[in-house]
Amino acid sequence: MYHKYLKFEELLLKIEKAIIMIAFILIFATVSWQVFQRFSNLPIPDTSDISLVSQGVFTFMSVGVLVFLGSHIT
């Protein structure tokens, strides 16, 4: 019975991987921007908030993918 839903789960896995990559890129970009911002003493708001939200998405979605794949977290 499980094999009926395998293609759907594979599609969900691809979507989750794309979301995880976007979150990872946002984390990298916002942390890099924060370093530049602090070095230049610029008053640019909200970069830390975007970074924190991206880290939450990255963490929880990555754990879901690892559990589905049966990787090291399980």
N, C-alpha and C. Protein backbone atom coordinates (compact mmCIF):
# COMPACT_ATOMS: atom_id res chain seq x y z
N MET A 1 0.81 -1.18 0.00
CA MET A 1 0.00 0.00 0.00
C MET A 1 0.86 1.26 0.00
N TYR A 2 1.99 1.19 0.66
CA TYR A 2 2.88 2.35 0.75
C TYR A 2 3.43 2.76 -0.61
N HIS A 3 3.64 1.81 -1.49
CA HIS A 3 4.25 2.12 -2.79
C HIS A 3 3.35 2.99 -3.67
N LYS A 4 2.06 3.07 -3.36
CA LYS A 4 1.15 3.94 -4.11
C LYS A 4 1.51 5.41 -3.91
N TYR A 5 1.96 5.75 -2.74
CA TYR A 5 2.23 7.13 -2.38
C TYR A 5 3.70 7.51 -2.52
N LEU A 6 4.53 6.60 -2.99
CA LEU A 6 5.96 6.86 -3.06
C LEU A 6 6.29 7.99 -4.03
N LYS A 7 5.64 8.05 -5.18
CA LYS A 7 5.92 9.12 -6.14
C LYS A 7 5.51 10.48 -5.57
N PHE A 8 4.39 10.52 -4.86
CA PHE A 8 3.96 11.76 -4.22
C PHE A 8 4.97 12.19 -3.16
N GLU A 9 5.47 11.25 -2.38
CA GLU A 9 6.45 11.59 -1.36
C GLU A 9 7.77 12.01 -1.98
N GLU A 10 8.13 11.44 -3.11
CA GLU A 10 9.34 11.87 -3.80
C GLU A 10 9.20 13.31 -4.29
N LEU A 11 8.01 13.67 -4.77
CA LEU A 11 7.74 15.05 -5.18
C LEU A 11 7.83 15.99 -3.99
N LEU A 12 7.24 15.60 -2.87
CA LEU A 12 7.34 16.41 -1.66
C LEU A 12 8.79 16.57 -1.20
N LEU A 13 9.57 15.50 -1.35
CA LEU A 13 10.98 15.55 -0.97
C LEU A 13 11.72 16.57 -1.82
N LYS A 14 11.45 16.61 -3.11
CA LYS A 14 12.11 17.59 -3.99
C LYS A 14 11.72 19.01 -3.61
N ILE A 15 10.44 19.22 -3.28
CA ILE A 15 9.98 20.55 -2.87
C ILE A 15 10.64 20.95 -1.55
N GLU A 16 10.73 20.01 -0.61
CA GLU A 16 11.36 20.31 0.67
C GLU A 16 12.83 20.63 0.49
N LYS A 17 13.51 19.89 -0.38
CA LYS A 17 14.93 20.17 -0.63
C LYS A 17 15.11 21.56 -1.22
N ALA A 18 14.21 21.97 -2.11
CA ALA A 18 14.30 23.31 -2.69
C ALA A 18 14.10 24.38 -1.62
N ILE A 19 13.13 24.18 -0.74
CA ILE A 19 12.87 25.14 0.34
C ILE A 19 14.06 25.21 1.29
N ILE A 20 14.67 24.06 1.58
CA ILE A 20 15.83 24.01 2.45
C ILE A 20 17.01 24.77 1.82
N MET A 21 17.20 24.61 0.53
CA MET A 21 18.29 25.32 -0.14
C MET A 21 18.05 26.83 -0.14
N ILE A 22 16.82 27.24 -0.36
CA ILE A 22 16.50 28.67 -0.31
C ILE A 22 16.76 29.23 1.10
N ALA A 23 16.36 28.47 2.11
CA ALA A 23 16.59 28.90 3.49
C ALA A 23 18.09 28.98 3.79
N PHE A 24 18.85 28.00 3.30
CA PHE A 24 20.30 28.01 3.53
C PHE A 24 20.96 29.20 2.85
N ILE A 25 20.53 29.52 1.63
CA ILE A 25 21.08 30.67 0.92
C ILE A 25 20.73 31.96 1.66
N LEU A 26 19.50 32.04 2.17
CA LEU A 26 19.10 33.23 2.94
C LEU A 26 19.93 33.37 4.22
N ILE A 27 20.19 32.26 4.89
CA ILE A 27 21.02 32.30 6.09
C ILE A 27 22.41 32.82 5.74
N PHE A 28 23.01 32.27 4.71
CA PHE A 28 24.35 32.69 4.31
C PHE A 28 24.37 34.16 3.93
N ALA A 29 23.38 34.58 3.13
CA ALA A 29 23.35 35.96 2.66
C ALA A 29 23.13 36.94 3.81
N THR A 30 22.18 36.65 4.69
CA THR A 30 21.88 37.59 5.77
C THR A 30 23.00 37.66 6.81
N VAL A 31 23.64 36.53 7.10
CA VAL A 31 24.75 36.57 8.06
C VAL A 31 25.93 37.33 7.45
N SER A 32 26.19 37.11 6.16
CA SER A 32 27.26 37.87 5.49
C SER A 32 26.93 39.36 5.49
N TRP A 33 25.68 39.70 5.24
CA TRP A 33 25.26 41.09 5.24
C TRP A 33 25.38 41.70 6.64
N GLN A 34 25.07 40.91 7.66
CA GLN A 34 25.20 41.40 9.03
C GLN A 34 26.66 41.72 9.37
N VAL A 35 27.58 40.87 8.90
CA VAL A 35 29.00 41.12 9.15
C VAL A 35 29.42 42.42 8.47
N PHE A 36 29.02 42.59 7.22
CA PHE A 36 29.33 43.82 6.49
C PHE A 36 28.69 45.03 7.17
N GLN A 37 27.46 44.86 7.59
CA GLN A 37 26.72 45.94 8.25
C GLN A 37 27.41 46.37 9.54
N ARG A 38 27.86 45.43 10.34
CA ARG A 38 28.52 45.77 11.60
C ARG A 38 29.90 46.38 11.36
N PHE A 39 30.59 45.88 10.33
CA PHE A 39 31.90 46.42 10.01
C PHE A 39 31.78 47.87 9.53
N SER A 40 30.75 48.15 8.73
CA SER A 40 30.56 49.49 8.17
C SER A 40 29.74 50.40 9.07
N ASN A 41 29.22 49.86 10.15
CA ASN A 41 28.39 50.61 11.10
C ASN A 41 27.15 51.21 10.42
N LEU A 42 26.46 50.39 9.62
CA LEU A 42 25.26 50.83 8.91
C LEU A 42 24.00 50.46 9.70
N PRO A 43 23.04 51.33 9.74
CA PRO A 43 21.79 51.03 10.49
C PRO A 43 20.75 50.36 9.60
N ILE A 44 20.99 49.13 9.17
CA ILE A 44 20.05 48.41 8.31
C ILE A 44 19.31 47.39 9.18
N PRO A 45 17.98 47.53 9.32
CA PRO A 45 17.23 46.65 10.22
C PRO A 45 16.83 45.32 9.56
N ASP A 46 16.37 44.41 10.36
CA ASP A 46 15.68 43.18 9.97
C ASP A 46 16.56 42.07 9.39
N THR A 47 17.84 42.24 9.27
CA THR A 47 18.64 41.12 8.73
C THR A 47 18.72 39.98 9.73
N SER A 48 18.78 40.29 11.01
CA SER A 48 18.86 39.21 12.00
C SER A 48 17.54 38.45 12.09
N ASP A 49 16.43 39.13 11.90
CA ASP A 49 15.12 38.47 11.93
C ASP A 49 14.98 37.49 10.76
N ILE A 50 15.39 37.91 9.58
CA ILE A 50 15.32 37.03 8.41
C ILE A 50 16.22 35.82 8.62
N SER A 51 17.38 36.04 9.19
CA SER A 51 18.31 34.95 9.45
C SER A 51 17.73 33.95 10.45
N LEU A 52 17.11 34.44 11.52
CA LEU A 52 16.54 33.55 12.53
C LEU A 52 15.38 32.73 11.98
N VAL A 53 14.52 33.34 11.21
CA VAL A 53 13.39 32.61 10.62
C VAL A 53 13.91 31.56 9.64
N SER A 54 14.91 31.91 8.85
CA SER A 54 15.48 30.96 7.90
C SER A 54 16.13 29.78 8.62
N GLN A 55 16.77 30.05 9.75
CA GLN A 55 17.40 28.97 10.51
C GLN A 55 16.35 28.01 11.07
N GLY A 56 15.22 28.54 11.49
CA GLY A 56 14.14 27.67 11.97
C GLY A 56 13.59 26.80 10.87
N VAL A 57 13.34 27.39 9.71
CA VAL A 57 12.85 26.63 8.56
C VAL A 57 13.87 25.57 8.16
N PHE A 58 15.13 25.97 8.10
CA PHE A 58 16.20 25.05 7.72
C PHE A 58 16.28 23.87 8.68
N THR A 59 16.23 24.15 9.97
CA THR A 59 16.37 23.10 10.97
C THR A 59 15.21 22.10 10.91
N PHE A 60 13.99 22.57 10.96
CA PHE A 60 12.85 21.67 11.05
C PHE A 60 12.60 20.92 9.75
N MET A 61 12.79 21.57 8.62
CA MET A 61 12.58 20.88 7.35
C MET A 61 13.71 19.88 7.09
N SER A 62 14.93 20.22 7.51
CA SER A 62 16.04 19.28 7.34
C SER A 62 15.84 18.02 8.17
N VAL A 63 15.33 18.17 9.37
CA VAL A 63 15.06 17.00 10.21
C VAL A 63 14.00 16.13 9.56
N GLY A 64 12.97 16.73 8.98
CA GLY A 64 11.94 15.96 8.28
C GLY A 64 12.51 15.17 7.11
N VAL A 65 13.40 15.79 6.36
CA VAL A 65 14.02 15.10 5.23
C VAL A 65 14.93 13.97 5.72
N LEU A 66 15.68 14.23 6.78
CA LEU A 66 16.56 13.19 7.32
C LEU A 66 15.79 11.99 7.84
N VAL A 67 14.67 12.24 8.48
CA VAL A 67 13.84 11.14 8.97
C VAL A 67 13.27 10.34 7.80
N PHE A 68 12.81 11.05 6.77
CA PHE A 68 12.26 10.36 5.60
C PHE A 68 13.32 9.50 4.91
N LEU A 69 14.54 10.02 4.80
CA LEU A 69 15.61 9.29 4.14
C LEU A 69 16.26 8.24 5.04
N GLY A 70 15.95 8.27 6.32
CA GLY A 70 16.55 7.33 7.27
C GLY A 70 18.02 7.62 7.49
N SER A 71 18.36 8.87 7.50
CA SER A 71 19.74 9.27 7.62
C SER A 71 20.18 9.30 9.08
N HIS A 72 21.27 9.94 9.37
CA HIS A 72 21.92 9.81 10.68
C HIS A 72 21.12 10.34 11.85
N ILE A 73 20.17 11.25 11.64
CA ILE A 73 19.45 11.82 12.77
C ILE A 73 18.55 10.75 13.44
N THR A 74 18.12 9.75 12.69
CA THR A 74 17.26 8.72 13.24
C THR A 74 18.10 7.67 13.93
